[in-house]
Amino acid sequence: MPYDANVMSDWQISEAAEVRMKSIWQLQEELSLEKDEIIPHGKVGRLSFMKIMDRLRDNKNGKYINITAITPTPLGEGKTTTCIGLLEGLGKRGKGAGGAIRQPSGGPTMNVKGSAAGGGNAQVIPLTEFSLGLTGDINNIMNAHNLAMTALTARMQHERNYTDPELAKRNLRRLDIDTKSVQMGWVIDFCAQALRNIIIGIGGKMDGYTMQSRFDIAVSSELMAILSIAKDLRDLRERIGKITVAFDRYGKPITTEDLEVAGAMCAFLRESINPNLLQTVEGQPVLVHAGPFANIAVGQSSIIADMVGLKLFDYHVTESGFASDIGFEKFWNVKCRISGLKPNVSVITASIRALKMHGGGPRVAPGLPLADEYRKEDLQLLEKGLPNLVHHIRTVKLSGIKPVVCINSFNTDTKDEVKLVKRVAEAEGARVAVSEHWQKGGEGALELADAVIDACCEETDFRFLYPVEMPLVERVDLIAKNIYGAEKVLWLPGVEEKAAKLEKDPDKKDYFTMMVKTHLSLSHDPELKGVPRGWTLPIRDILVFTGARFLCPVAGSINLMPGTGSDPAFRRIDVDVDTGKVTGLY
């Protein structure tokens, strides 16, 4: 029986579910894993993916299911909850189902959004381990990233303080690093706006090189992007060595390999390449690997987790961050291109609450009570917001996939509101399912599971939006107009020249396009809801990730270090000193 999600908080449901949680060894037996293919880590474990892939390489892949969404409110509309609910529903139908989701960042967990474990009776357990560091992947990324910055700043100090013969005695060659062309900053896994702009090296000449620097949130690190797309340890090591940390005074890139730090960075990540194994409250296996923030990063569960999941499960469900314009577009045109994997179906998570917001409803914000418009039936407001859903259905269909729309049910939804959403979505050629997984777990997700099973029986005509040969400027124009609905693209002064230079660089011809923009609107402006018309997409910069091989055009005002709000989640998190159990997580 599901827990009473209307009365119990997420952490209370997780705590109760842990009493009957399967052990790692039970999961190992159910998944037919060999003894040396699972690495225990407290209540959770890691999967030794290379051993598993070597043994199962010739096995047929299961069905590949992507989870995306409409443009969300700042509260989120339950995409991870839908992912977990679908797994539970497939389990109730007797299917061998498992999934891959992303590890939560400490920034949102301790801020206004909370953890990313799903919620209610559709969540991943154990919640505490999942939310507070898990097996150390993000910490390892922080250490590896900051080691690169340590190597850079130490080298700058020593080159300033020593003559060339003295450097030679220390087996160092002069790199002539340009202090004004340092590409990387430091990272920390909190939303720490006070660290967005800093000065380092204050003090004497032995206290480092004085220069402006910054902190970004850890999951935006290029190392997280590399972990998301690497196919094996060799691929990981090679990509780490190609990361550009800075440029020299002649414009030549200084890489981690030049700094002789790439090997040590990879050493931090040698275990993080293995996905983590957790489970739903109903016992379905869930692989947790890579990180969030699809607006400023890849925002995908890893290629490795998907490769393993497709060998282990008959139905493998993978999560993409935010809506189809961001997470699904990157899944479709970047992740699937790198992995060579083709999805069978994509599930678009939608809520009537969010659709009403897109219809012009009152502001929705964490910490503020929902307005009456979201608690009562309002068919006119809902109808005005439905074009946002239609837009996302059409985006998924552009890839050759027929989508399933999941109406993530809230107890304030009415029958007529649900009917209206169904009618519009079905008119666009989508299957539609109402799902009550948050409240009822797998039993509440049977309609969704049936729709997905049915969709997986159809042939797809999966195709990419653009060929790899298409120049960067043309790609951005295509994405802006076809995925976002922009009228045109405006390259700000100096950025178009940068794009032209990158297009002429033969080494960057096969780089992938990883757009950076807000998740709260189809446009670059988070205040423009619904489906904006007649607008221009401004591109103000292009980030270059030479290890991941990404060109990242930045649209609008996006910051790689979010800020902590006035009522953060950490105010409600504590530890029961008698039992040691963490309370207040959500």
Protein backbone atom coordinates (compact mmCIF):
# COMPACT_ATOMS: atom_id res chain seq x y z
CA MET A 1 0.00 0.00 0.00
CA PRO A 2 1.29 3.52 -0.77
CA TYR A 3 1.98 5.93 2.03
CA ASP A 4 -0.33 8.88 2.68
CA ALA A 5 1.54 11.51 0.68
CA ASN A 6 -0.97 14.17 1.68
CA VAL A 7 0.03 13.76 5.33
CA MET A 8 3.63 12.51 5.26
CA SER A 9 6.53 14.59 3.94
CA ASP A 10 9.01 13.16 1.44
CA TRP A 11 11.62 12.42 4.11
CA GLN A 12 9.03 10.64 6.25
CA ILE A 13 7.92 8.48 3.31
CA SER A 14 11.55 7.71 2.54
CA GLU A 15 12.24 6.79 6.16
CA ALA A 16 9.21 4.48 6.29
CA ALA A 17 10.08 2.89 2.93
CA GLU A 18 13.65 2.15 4.02
CA VAL A 19 12.30 -0.40 6.52
CA ARG A 20 11.33 -2.66 3.60
CA MET A 21 14.02 -1.43 1.17
CA LYS A 22 15.83 -4.13 -0.79
CA SER A 23 19.46 -4.69 0.06
CA ILE A 24 22.13 -4.15 -2.57
CA TRP A 25 22.54 -7.92 -2.70
CA GLN A 26 18.83 -8.43 -3.41
CA LEU A 27 19.07 -5.98 -6.28
CA GLN A 28 22.18 -7.77 -7.50
CA GLU A 29 20.32 -11.08 -7.57
CA GLU A 30 17.24 -9.59 -9.29
CA LEU A 31 19.43 -7.97 -11.96
CA SER A 32 21.50 -11.17 -12.42
CA LEU A 33 24.71 -9.28 -11.72
CA GLU A 34 27.97 -11.08 -10.95
CA LYS A 35 29.44 -10.62 -7.49
CA ASP A 36 32.31 -8.42 -8.69
CA GLU A 37 29.97 -6.21 -10.76
CA ILE A 38 28.55 -4.39 -7.77
CA ILE A 39 30.54 -2.25 -5.35
CA PRO A 40 28.71 -1.71 -2.01
CA HIS A 41 28.76 1.75 -0.50
CA GLY A 42 26.66 1.77 2.67
CA LYS A 43 22.97 1.48 1.77
CA VAL A 44 23.69 2.05 -1.93
CA GLY A 45 26.23 0.76 -4.41
CA ARG A 46 28.15 1.40 -7.58
CA LEU A 47 27.97 -0.71 -10.71
CA SER A 48 31.26 -1.73 -12.27
CA PHE A 49 30.03 -0.76 -15.70
CA MET A 50 33.00 -1.97 -17.75
CA LYS A 51 32.68 -5.49 -16.33
CA ILE A 52 28.93 -5.46 -16.94
CA MET A 53 29.30 -4.17 -20.50
CA ASP A 54 32.01 -6.69 -21.32
CA ARG A 55 29.72 -9.52 -20.21
CA LEU A 56 26.47 -8.20 -21.74
CA ARG A 57 27.82 -6.40 -24.81
CA ASP A 58 26.07 -8.77 -27.25
CA ASN A 59 22.74 -8.73 -25.40
CA LYS A 60 19.82 -6.97 -27.06
CA ASN A 61 19.00 -3.48 -25.74
CA GLY A 62 15.73 -2.83 -23.96
CA LYS A 63 13.25 -0.10 -24.87
CA TYR A 64 14.71 3.42 -24.48
CA ILE A 65 12.36 6.00 -22.93
CA ASN A 66 13.16 9.68 -22.42
CA ILE A 67 11.43 11.92 -19.85
CA THR A 68 11.05 15.63 -20.64
CA ALA A 69 8.46 18.33 -19.85
CA ILE A 70 6.65 21.52 -20.77
CA THR A 71 8.15 24.84 -19.67
CA PRO A 72 8.00 24.60 -15.87
CA THR A 73 7.03 27.01 -13.13
CA PRO A 74 9.85 27.85 -10.69
CA LEU A 75 8.42 25.05 -8.50
CA GLY A 76 9.11 22.39 -11.13
CA GLU A 77 6.31 20.25 -12.51
CA GLY A 78 7.34 16.76 -11.40
CA LYS A 79 9.58 15.44 -14.17
CA THR A 80 11.70 13.26 -11.86
CA THR A 81 8.53 12.23 -10.01
CA THR A 82 7.06 11.16 -13.36
CA CYS A 83 10.23 9.23 -14.18
CA ILE A 84 10.04 7.31 -10.90
CA GLY A 85 6.26 6.90 -11.12
CA LEU A 86 6.58 5.39 -14.60
CA LEU A 87 9.15 2.89 -13.32
CA GLU A 88 6.76 1.90 -10.55
CA GLY A 89 3.85 1.63 -12.99
CA LEU A 90 5.89 -0.56 -15.34
CA GLY A 91 6.83 -2.68 -12.34
CA LYS A 92 3.13 -3.13 -11.47
CA ARG A 93 2.60 -4.33 -15.05
CA GLY A 94 5.26 -6.99 -14.52
CA LYS A 95 7.87 -5.36 -16.75
CA GLY A 96 11.59 -5.45 -16.05
CA ALA A 97 12.03 -1.71 -15.67
CA GLY A 98 14.82 0.50 -14.42
CA GLY A 99 15.91 4.06 -14.95
CA ALA A 100 18.66 6.64 -14.90
CA ILE A 101 18.35 10.01 -13.19
CA ARG A 102 20.79 12.74 -12.27
CA GLN A 103 22.41 13.31 -8.91
CA PRO A 104 21.07 16.40 -7.11
CA SER A 105 23.34 19.36 -6.59
CA GLY A 106 23.86 20.66 -3.06
CA GLY A 107 22.91 24.10 -4.39
CA PRO A 108 19.19 23.39 -5.01
CA THR A 109 19.01 20.83 -2.17
CA MET A 110 19.96 23.52 0.35
CA ASN A 111 18.12 26.28 -1.52
CA VAL A 112 14.51 26.75 -2.64
CA LYS A 113 14.04 23.75 -4.94
CA GLY A 114 15.09 20.95 -2.60
CA SER A 115 16.43 17.57 -3.64
CA ALA A 116 15.72 15.85 -6.97
CA ALA A 117 14.51 12.48 -5.72
CA GLY A 118 10.97 12.78 -7.04
CA GLY A 119 8.33 13.01 -4.35
CA GLY A 120 5.52 11.39 -2.44
CA ASN A 121 5.16 7.73 -3.40
CA ALA A 122 7.26 8.25 -6.53
CA GLN A 123 10.71 8.92 -5.16
CA VAL A 124 14.18 7.42 -4.94
CA ILE A 125 15.41 6.00 -1.66
CA PRO A 126 17.36 6.31 0.54
CA LEU A 127 16.63 10.04 0.36
CA THR A 128 19.36 11.17 2.78
CA GLU A 129 22.17 9.38 0.96
CA PHE A 130 20.81 10.46 -2.42
CA SER A 131 20.58 14.12 -1.40
CA LEU A 132 23.71 14.57 0.69
CA GLY A 133 26.68 13.59 -1.44
CA LEU A 134 25.78 10.02 -2.39
CA THR A 135 29.07 8.21 -3.18
CA GLY A 136 31.02 11.42 -3.70
CA ASP A 137 30.77 12.04 -7.46
CA ILE A 138 30.15 15.79 -7.24
CA ASN A 139 32.81 16.13 -4.55
CA ASN A 140 35.25 14.30 -6.83
CA ILE A 141 34.39 16.67 -9.68
CA MET A 142 34.99 19.65 -7.37
CA ASN A 143 38.37 18.28 -6.30
CA ALA A 144 39.47 17.50 -9.85
CA HIS A 145 38.31 20.88 -11.18
CA ASN A 146 39.90 22.88 -8.35
CA LEU A 147 43.11 20.89 -8.72
CA ALA A 148 43.35 22.24 -12.28
CA MET A 149 43.01 25.77 -10.92
CA THR A 150 45.55 25.01 -8.21
CA ALA A 151 47.99 23.81 -10.87
CA LEU A 152 47.38 26.92 -12.97
CA THR A 153 47.75 29.49 -10.19
CA ALA A 154 50.82 27.75 -8.73
CA ARG A 155 52.45 27.70 -12.16
CA MET A 156 51.73 31.42 -12.63
CA GLN A 157 53.31 32.20 -9.28
CA HIS A 158 56.44 30.15 -9.95
CA GLU A 159 56.91 31.54 -13.46
CA ARG A 160 56.74 35.04 -12.01
CA ASN A 161 59.20 34.28 -9.21
CA TYR A 162 61.80 32.21 -11.08
CA THR A 163 64.07 32.71 -14.09
CA ASP A 164 64.04 30.16 -16.89
CA PRO A 165 67.14 28.28 -15.60
CA GLU A 166 65.50 27.97 -12.18
CA LEU A 167 62.31 26.67 -13.82
CA ALA A 168 64.38 24.15 -15.76
CA LYS A 169 65.89 22.86 -12.51
CA ARG A 170 62.34 22.13 -11.38
CA ASN A 171 61.63 20.38 -14.70
CA LEU A 172 59.21 23.13 -15.78
CA ARG A 173 59.01 25.04 -19.07
CA ARG A 174 57.66 28.57 -19.16
CA LEU A 175 54.03 28.60 -20.31
CA ASP A 176 53.65 32.41 -20.39
CA ILE A 177 50.05 32.27 -19.17
CA ASP A 178 47.99 35.37 -19.95
CA THR A 179 46.34 36.37 -16.68
CA LYS A 180 43.54 38.12 -18.59
CA SER A 181 42.69 34.98 -20.59
CA VAL A 182 42.09 32.46 -17.83
CA GLN A 183 39.01 30.46 -18.86
CA MET A 184 38.27 28.48 -15.72
CA GLY A 185 37.25 29.57 -12.26
CA TRP A 186 36.80 27.58 -9.08
CA VAL A 187 33.72 25.52 -8.23
CA ILE A 188 31.67 24.82 -5.11
CA ASP A 189 28.38 22.93 -4.89
CA PHE A 190 26.28 25.63 -3.26
CA CYS A 191 24.35 28.61 -4.61
CA ALA A 192 26.91 31.15 -3.39
CA GLN A 193 26.31 34.45 -5.15
CA ALA A 194 28.96 36.17 -3.01
CA LEU A 195 31.62 34.13 -4.85
CA ARG A 196 30.62 35.06 -8.41
CA ASN A 197 33.43 37.62 -8.64
CA ILE A 198 36.51 37.40 -6.42
CA ILE A 199 40.12 38.56 -6.24
CA ILE A 200 42.75 35.91 -5.46
CA GLY A 201 46.45 36.11 -4.63
CA ILE A 202 46.17 39.01 -2.20
CA GLY A 203 49.29 39.22 -0.03
CA GLY A 204 52.97 38.79 -0.75
CA LYS A 205 54.65 37.28 -3.81
CA MET A 206 54.51 33.80 -2.21
CA ASP A 207 50.72 34.04 -1.78
CA GLY A 208 49.87 33.43 -5.40
CA TYR A 209 49.27 35.57 -8.45
CA THR A 210 46.88 38.46 -7.85
CA MET A 211 44.03 38.42 -10.35
CA GLN A 212 40.28 38.44 -10.72
CA SER A 213 38.63 35.04 -10.53
CA ARG A 214 35.24 33.46 -9.79
CA PHE A 215 33.36 30.48 -8.41
CA ASP A 216 30.76 28.58 -10.47
CA ILE A 217 28.42 25.90 -9.16
CA ALA A 218 30.15 22.52 -9.29
CA VAL A 219 27.70 20.80 -11.63
CA SER A 220 28.36 23.43 -14.33
CA SER A 221 32.00 22.28 -14.51
CA GLU A 222 33.19 20.93 -17.84
CA LEU A 223 34.15 17.81 -15.91
CA MET A 224 30.47 17.12 -15.24
CA ALA A 225 29.79 17.48 -18.96
CA ILE A 226 32.60 15.05 -19.68
CA LEU A 227 31.29 12.55 -17.09
CA SER A 228 27.87 12.76 -18.77
CA ILE A 229 29.15 11.87 -22.25
CA ALA A 230 32.27 9.72 -21.66
CA LYS A 231 31.94 6.14 -22.88
CA ASP A 232 34.74 4.57 -20.85
CA LEU A 233 37.76 5.41 -18.68
CA ARG A 234 40.05 5.93 -21.68
CA ASP A 235 37.58 8.40 -23.20
CA LEU A 236 37.28 10.18 -19.84
CA ARG A 237 41.06 10.50 -19.47
CA GLU A 238 41.58 11.79 -23.00
CA ARG A 239 38.84 14.40 -22.67
CA ILE A 240 40.15 15.64 -19.32
CA GLY A 241 43.58 16.18 -20.87
CA LYS A 242 42.10 18.43 -23.58
CA ILE A 243 40.36 20.89 -21.22
CA THR A 244 41.50 24.47 -21.89
CA VAL A 245 42.26 26.22 -18.61
CA ALA A 246 43.75 29.45 -20.03
CA PHE A 247 45.63 30.92 -22.98
CA ASP A 248 49.24 32.06 -23.25
CA ARG A 249 50.32 35.54 -24.31
CA TYR A 250 50.27 34.47 -27.97
CA GLY A 251 46.73 33.07 -27.89
CA LYS A 252 47.72 29.41 -27.68
CA PRO A 253 45.51 27.30 -25.36
CA ILE A 254 46.96 26.01 -22.11
CA THR A 255 45.42 22.62 -21.35
CA THR A 256 45.39 20.44 -18.27
CA GLU A 257 47.88 18.24 -20.12
CA ASP A 258 50.22 21.25 -20.47
CA LEU A 259 49.89 21.79 -16.71
CA GLU A 260 50.65 18.07 -16.15
CA VAL A 261 47.57 17.77 -13.95
CA ALA A 262 45.19 15.77 -16.17
CA GLY A 263 46.26 12.39 -14.81
CA ALA A 264 45.74 13.46 -11.22
CA MET A 265 42.34 14.92 -12.11
CA CYS A 266 41.32 11.62 -13.69
CA ALA A 267 42.48 9.81 -10.54
CA PHE A 268 39.82 11.68 -8.57
CA LEU A 269 37.19 10.46 -11.03
CA ARG A 270 38.33 6.86 -11.47
CA GLU A 271 35.40 5.54 -9.38
CA SER A 272 32.92 8.23 -10.36
CA ILE A 273 32.72 6.76 -13.85
CA ASN A 274 30.66 3.90 -12.34
CA PRO A 275 26.92 4.66 -11.96
CA ASN A 276 25.33 4.57 -8.51
CA LEU A 277 22.58 2.03 -7.81
CA LEU A 278 19.53 3.08 -5.77
CA GLN A 279 15.84 2.13 -5.91
CA THR A 280 12.31 3.51 -5.92
CA VAL A 281 10.10 3.25 -2.83
CA GLU A 282 8.57 0.23 -4.59
CA GLY A 283 11.92 -1.44 -5.27
CA GLN A 284 12.66 -0.74 -8.96
CA PRO A 285 16.38 -0.19 -9.65
CA VAL A 286 17.50 3.37 -10.41
CA LEU A 287 20.93 4.34 -11.71
CA VAL A 288 22.09 7.78 -10.54
CA HIS A 289 24.86 9.33 -12.59
CA ALA A 290 25.89 12.85 -13.71
CA GLY A 291 24.27 16.10 -12.66
CA PRO A 292 21.50 18.66 -13.18
CA PHE A 293 21.20 22.19 -14.65
CA ALA A 294 20.30 21.58 -18.30
CA ASN A 295 20.03 25.36 -18.76
CA ILE A 296 23.77 25.86 -18.11
CA ALA A 297 25.10 22.32 -18.57
CA VAL A 298 24.30 19.04 -20.35
CA GLY A 299 21.64 18.19 -17.78
CA GLN A 300 21.40 14.51 -18.77
CA SER A 301 21.78 11.25 -16.95
CA SER A 302 25.00 9.79 -18.32
CA ILE A 303 25.57 7.85 -21.52
CA ILE A 304 27.24 5.15 -19.40
CA ALA A 305 24.14 4.79 -17.18
CA ASP A 306 21.96 4.48 -20.28
CA MET A 307 24.27 1.93 -21.90
CA VAL A 308 24.19 -0.23 -18.77
CA GLY A 309 20.46 0.26 -18.19
CA LEU A 310 19.58 -0.79 -21.74
CA LYS A 311 21.44 -4.07 -21.16
CA LEU A 312 19.95 -4.71 -17.71
CA PHE A 313 16.32 -3.63 -18.18
CA ASP A 314 13.55 -4.42 -20.66
CA TYR A 315 12.40 -0.81 -20.28
CA HIS A 316 15.04 1.81 -19.51
CA VAL A 317 13.76 5.27 -18.55
CA THR A 318 16.22 8.18 -18.72
CA GLU A 319 15.79 11.76 -17.57
CA SER A 320 16.57 15.03 -19.36
CA GLY A 321 16.63 18.32 -17.52
CA PHE A 322 13.89 20.94 -17.79
CA ALA A 323 11.64 21.18 -20.87
CA SER A 324 11.92 19.85 -24.41
CA ASP A 325 13.48 23.10 -25.68
CA ILE A 326 16.49 22.55 -23.42
CA GLY A 327 16.90 19.03 -22.01
CA PHE A 328 15.25 17.09 -24.81
CA GLU A 329 16.98 19.14 -27.53
CA LYS A 330 20.36 18.28 -25.97
CA PHE A 331 19.35 14.64 -25.49
CA TRP A 332 18.20 14.46 -29.12
CA ASN A 333 20.97 16.32 -30.96
CA VAL A 334 23.97 15.84 -28.67
CA LYS A 335 23.63 12.87 -26.32
CA CYS A 336 22.03 10.50 -28.85
CA ARG A 337 24.52 11.57 -31.53
CA ILE A 338 27.47 10.77 -29.24
CA SER A 339 26.02 7.53 -27.86
CA GLY A 340 24.51 6.20 -31.08
CA LEU A 341 21.38 5.22 -29.11
CA LYS A 342 17.89 5.87 -30.47
CA PRO A 343 14.91 6.42 -28.15
CA ASN A 344 11.58 4.62 -28.61
CA VAL A 345 9.43 7.27 -26.97
CA SER A 346 9.60 10.57 -25.10
CA VAL A 347 7.25 11.40 -22.23
CA ILE A 348 6.29 15.08 -21.87
CA THR A 349 5.44 15.88 -18.26
CA ALA A 350 2.73 18.54 -17.96
CA SER A 351 0.75 19.99 -15.09
CA ILE A 352 -2.47 21.97 -15.25
CA ARG A 353 -0.91 24.40 -12.76
CA ALA A 354 1.93 25.25 -15.16
CA LEU A 355 -0.38 25.52 -18.15
CA LYS A 356 -2.53 28.03 -16.27
CA MET A 357 0.60 30.06 -15.50
CA HIS A 358 1.43 30.09 -19.22
CA GLY A 359 -2.10 31.29 -19.88
CA GLY A 360 -1.42 34.45 -17.90
CA GLY A 361 -2.03 33.19 -14.36
CA PRO A 362 -0.58 34.95 -11.29
CA ARG A 363 3.08 34.62 -10.37
CA VAL A 364 4.21 31.22 -9.09
CA ALA A 365 7.23 31.31 -6.80
CA PRO A 366 8.77 29.14 -4.07
CA GLY A 367 7.65 30.22 -0.62
CA LEU A 368 4.55 32.05 -1.86
CA PRO A 369 1.06 30.53 -1.52
CA LEU A 370 -0.58 29.48 -4.79
CA ALA A 371 -3.21 31.90 -6.04
CA ASP A 372 -6.85 30.80 -6.23
CA GLU A 373 -6.63 30.49 -10.01
CA TYR A 374 -4.45 27.41 -9.49
CA ARG A 375 -6.74 25.85 -6.89
CA LYS A 376 -10.06 26.27 -8.72
CA GLU A 377 -11.32 25.31 -12.16
CA ASP A 378 -10.52 27.94 -14.79
CA LEU A 379 -10.92 26.54 -18.29
CA GLN A 380 -10.30 29.88 -20.02
CA LEU A 381 -6.95 30.39 -18.30
CA LEU A 382 -5.99 26.79 -19.03
CA GLU A 383 -6.94 27.07 -22.69
CA LYS A 384 -4.77 30.17 -23.08
CA GLY A 385 -1.78 28.22 -21.69
CA LEU A 386 -2.20 25.09 -23.81
CA PRO A 387 -0.14 26.45 -26.76
CA ASN A 388 2.94 25.84 -24.58
CA LEU A 389 2.12 22.13 -24.43
CA VAL A 390 1.40 22.07 -28.16
CA HIS A 391 4.79 23.67 -28.82
CA HIS A 392 6.61 20.98 -26.85
CA ILE A 393 4.66 18.17 -28.53
CA ARG A 394 5.69 19.55 -31.91
CA THR A 395 9.32 19.82 -30.77
CA VAL A 396 9.43 16.13 -29.82
CA LYS A 397 7.69 15.16 -33.08
CA LEU A 398 10.43 16.99 -35.03
CA SER A 399 12.78 14.22 -33.86
CA GLY A 400 10.58 11.54 -35.43
CA ILE A 401 9.16 10.36 -32.09
CA LYS A 402 5.45 10.25 -31.28
CA PRO A 403 5.30 11.58 -27.70
CA VAL A 404 3.27 10.53 -24.67
CA VAL A 405 1.90 13.43 -22.62
CA CYS A 406 1.76 12.68 -18.90
CA ILE A 407 -0.67 14.90 -17.01
CA ASN A 408 0.99 14.94 -13.60
CA SER A 409 -2.12 14.94 -11.46
CA PHE A 410 -2.71 17.43 -8.65
CA ASN A 411 -5.72 17.14 -6.33
CA THR A 412 -6.88 20.57 -7.50
CA ASP A 413 -7.28 19.40 -11.13
CA THR A 414 -10.89 19.00 -12.28
CA LYS A 415 -12.34 16.49 -14.76
CA ASP A 416 -13.15 19.18 -17.30
CA GLU A 417 -9.63 20.63 -17.09
CA VAL A 418 -8.12 17.19 -17.69
CA LYS A 419 -10.54 16.60 -20.59
CA LEU A 420 -9.47 19.87 -22.21
CA VAL A 421 -5.75 19.02 -21.99
CA LYS A 422 -6.41 15.53 -23.38
CA ARG A 423 -8.43 16.85 -26.30
CA VAL A 424 -5.76 19.37 -27.35
CA ALA A 425 -2.82 16.97 -26.92
CA GLU A 426 -4.53 14.14 -28.80
CA ALA A 427 -5.41 16.53 -31.63
CA GLU A 428 -1.62 17.07 -31.97
CA GLY A 429 -1.10 13.31 -32.35
CA ALA A 430 0.17 12.55 -28.85
CA ARG A 431 -0.93 9.77 -26.54
CA VAL A 432 -2.16 11.18 -23.22
CA ALA A 433 -2.20 9.61 -19.77
CA VAL A 434 -3.29 10.99 -16.41
CA SER A 435 -0.96 9.82 -13.66
CA GLU A 436 -1.41 9.92 -9.89
CA HIS A 437 2.00 8.49 -9.05
CA TRP A 438 2.79 11.13 -6.39
CA GLN A 439 -0.20 10.05 -4.34
CA LYS A 440 -0.60 6.37 -5.30
CA GLY A 441 2.80 5.20 -6.55
CA GLY A 442 2.77 2.49 -9.22
CA GLU A 443 -0.98 1.92 -8.93
CA GLY A 444 -1.52 5.55 -9.86
CA ALA A 445 0.80 5.29 -12.90
CA LEU A 446 -0.79 2.31 -14.67
CA GLU A 447 -2.42 4.47 -17.35
CA LEU A 448 0.96 6.12 -18.02
CA ALA A 449 2.75 2.75 -18.10
CA ASP A 450 0.21 1.35 -20.58
CA ALA A 451 0.57 4.38 -22.86
CA VAL A 452 4.36 4.04 -22.85
CA ILE A 453 4.27 0.28 -23.47
CA ASP A 454 1.90 0.89 -26.38
CA ALA A 455 4.10 3.68 -27.80
CA CYS A 456 7.19 1.46 -27.59
CA CYS A 457 5.54 -0.97 -30.00
CA GLU A 458 5.54 1.65 -32.76
CA GLU A 459 8.37 2.14 -35.22
CA THR A 460 10.08 5.53 -34.99
CA ASP A 461 11.78 7.64 -37.62
CA PHE A 462 14.34 9.20 -35.31
CA ARG A 463 16.39 11.93 -37.02
CA PHE A 464 18.60 14.81 -35.92
CA LEU A 465 17.64 18.46 -36.34
CA TYR A 466 20.84 19.33 -38.21
CA PRO A 467 23.85 17.58 -39.78
CA VAL A 468 27.22 17.76 -38.03
CA GLU A 469 28.60 19.65 -41.03
CA MET A 470 26.28 22.62 -40.42
CA PRO A 471 28.22 25.74 -39.26
CA LEU A 472 27.64 27.02 -35.73
CA VAL A 473 25.77 30.20 -36.70
CA GLU A 474 23.35 28.23 -38.88
CA ARG A 475 22.80 25.67 -36.11
CA VAL A 476 21.94 28.36 -33.59
CA ASP A 477 19.56 29.98 -36.08
CA LEU A 478 17.84 26.63 -36.69
CA ILE A 479 17.49 25.86 -32.96
CA ALA A 480 16.28 29.38 -32.17
CA LYS A 481 13.57 29.38 -34.83
CA ASN A 482 12.47 25.73 -34.84
CA ILE A 483 12.80 24.84 -31.14
CA TYR A 484 12.38 28.14 -29.28
CA GLY A 485 10.09 29.92 -31.76
CA ALA A 486 12.31 33.00 -32.16
CA GLU A 487 11.87 35.29 -35.15
CA LYS A 488 15.61 35.90 -35.48
CA VAL A 489 18.98 35.70 -33.71
CA LEU A 490 21.02 38.74 -32.66
CA TRP A 491 24.75 38.17 -32.14
CA LEU A 492 26.03 40.88 -29.80
CA PRO A 493 29.18 42.86 -30.75
CA GLY A 494 32.26 40.66 -30.93
CA VAL A 495 30.36 37.39 -30.52
CA GLU A 496 29.59 36.86 -34.21
CA GLU A 497 33.28 37.36 -34.96
CA LYS A 498 34.10 34.79 -32.28
CA ALA A 499 31.63 32.38 -33.88
CA ALA A 500 33.19 32.92 -37.34
CA LYS A 501 36.66 32.25 -35.92
CA LEU A 502 35.44 29.05 -34.27
CA GLU A 503 33.81 27.92 -37.51
CA LYS A 504 37.12 28.34 -39.35
CA ASP A 505 39.05 26.29 -36.78
CA PRO A 506 39.37 22.79 -38.35
CA ASP A 507 39.76 21.20 -34.90
CA LYS A 508 36.31 22.45 -33.90
CA LYS A 509 34.34 21.36 -36.96
CA ASP A 510 32.86 18.40 -35.08
CA TYR A 511 32.14 20.23 -31.81
CA PHE A 512 28.59 19.86 -30.51
CA THR A 513 26.26 22.81 -29.96
CA MET A 514 25.17 23.11 -26.32
CA MET A 515 22.80 26.06 -25.91
CA VAL A 516 22.72 28.01 -22.63
CA LYS A 517 19.50 29.81 -21.73
CA THR A 518 16.78 30.13 -19.09
CA HIS A 519 14.53 27.15 -18.41
CA LEU A 520 11.58 29.33 -17.35
CA SER A 521 10.61 30.42 -20.87
CA LEU A 522 10.92 29.23 -24.44
CA SER A 523 12.76 32.51 -24.94
CA HIS A 524 15.85 33.94 -23.23
CA ASP A 525 13.63 36.05 -20.94
CA PRO A 526 12.18 34.12 -17.96
CA GLU A 527 9.24 36.54 -17.78
CA LEU A 528 7.96 35.65 -21.26
CA LYS A 529 5.52 32.78 -20.66
CA GLY A 530 3.41 30.64 -22.95
CA VAL A 531 4.65 30.74 -26.56
CA PRO A 532 6.19 34.18 -27.17
CA ARG A 533 5.92 35.61 -30.68
CA GLY A 534 8.01 38.09 -32.67
CA TRP A 535 11.04 38.06 -30.38
CA THR A 536 14.79 38.03 -30.98
CA LEU A 537 17.26 35.64 -29.33
CA PRO A 538 20.40 37.57 -28.22
CA ILE A 539 23.67 35.62 -28.09
CA ARG A 540 26.10 37.39 -25.78
CA ASP A 541 28.96 34.88 -25.58
CA ILE A 542 30.17 31.44 -26.63
CA LEU A 543 31.72 29.16 -24.02
CA VAL A 544 34.24 26.68 -25.43
CA PHE A 545 34.66 23.27 -23.74
CA THR A 546 37.59 21.64 -25.52
CA GLY A 547 37.49 18.45 -23.45
CA ALA A 548 33.77 17.81 -23.90
CA ARG A 549 34.05 19.26 -27.45
CA PHE A 550 31.14 21.64 -26.87
CA LEU A 551 30.48 25.13 -28.22
CA CYS A 552 28.00 26.76 -25.84
CA PRO A 553 26.24 29.88 -27.15
CA VAL A 554 24.92 31.88 -24.19
CA ALA A 555 21.48 33.44 -24.70
CA GLY A 556 20.37 36.25 -22.44
CA SER A 557 21.40 36.67 -18.83
CA ILE A 558 22.55 33.32 -17.45
CA ASN A 559 24.85 32.91 -14.47
CA LEU A 560 26.95 29.82 -13.79
CA MET A 561 26.58 30.49 -10.06
CA PRO A 562 22.94 30.67 -8.88
CA GLY A 563 22.03 32.56 -5.72
CA THR A 564 20.49 31.35 -2.48
CA GLY A 565 17.00 32.70 -1.77
CA SER A 566 15.63 34.31 1.39
CA ASP A 567 13.87 31.14 2.59
CA PRO A 568 16.28 28.31 1.74
CA ALA A 569 15.65 24.64 2.47
CA PHE A 570 18.58 24.39 4.88
CA ARG A 571 16.50 26.25 7.47
CA ARG A 572 14.32 23.15 7.86
CA ILE A 573 16.97 20.41 7.69
CA ASP A 574 18.28 18.93 10.93
CA VAL A 575 19.54 15.73 12.53
CA ASP A 576 17.76 13.72 15.22
CA VAL A 577 20.58 13.48 17.76
CA ASP A 578 19.16 10.29 19.27
CA THR A 579 18.90 8.32 16.03
CA GLY A 580 21.26 10.22 13.70
CA LYS A 581 18.52 10.42 11.07
CA VAL A 582 18.25 13.52 8.87
CA THR A 583 14.90 15.31 8.91
CA GLY A 584 13.41 18.01 6.71
CA LEU A 585 14.72 16.96 3.29
CA TYR A 586 12.27 17.26 0.42
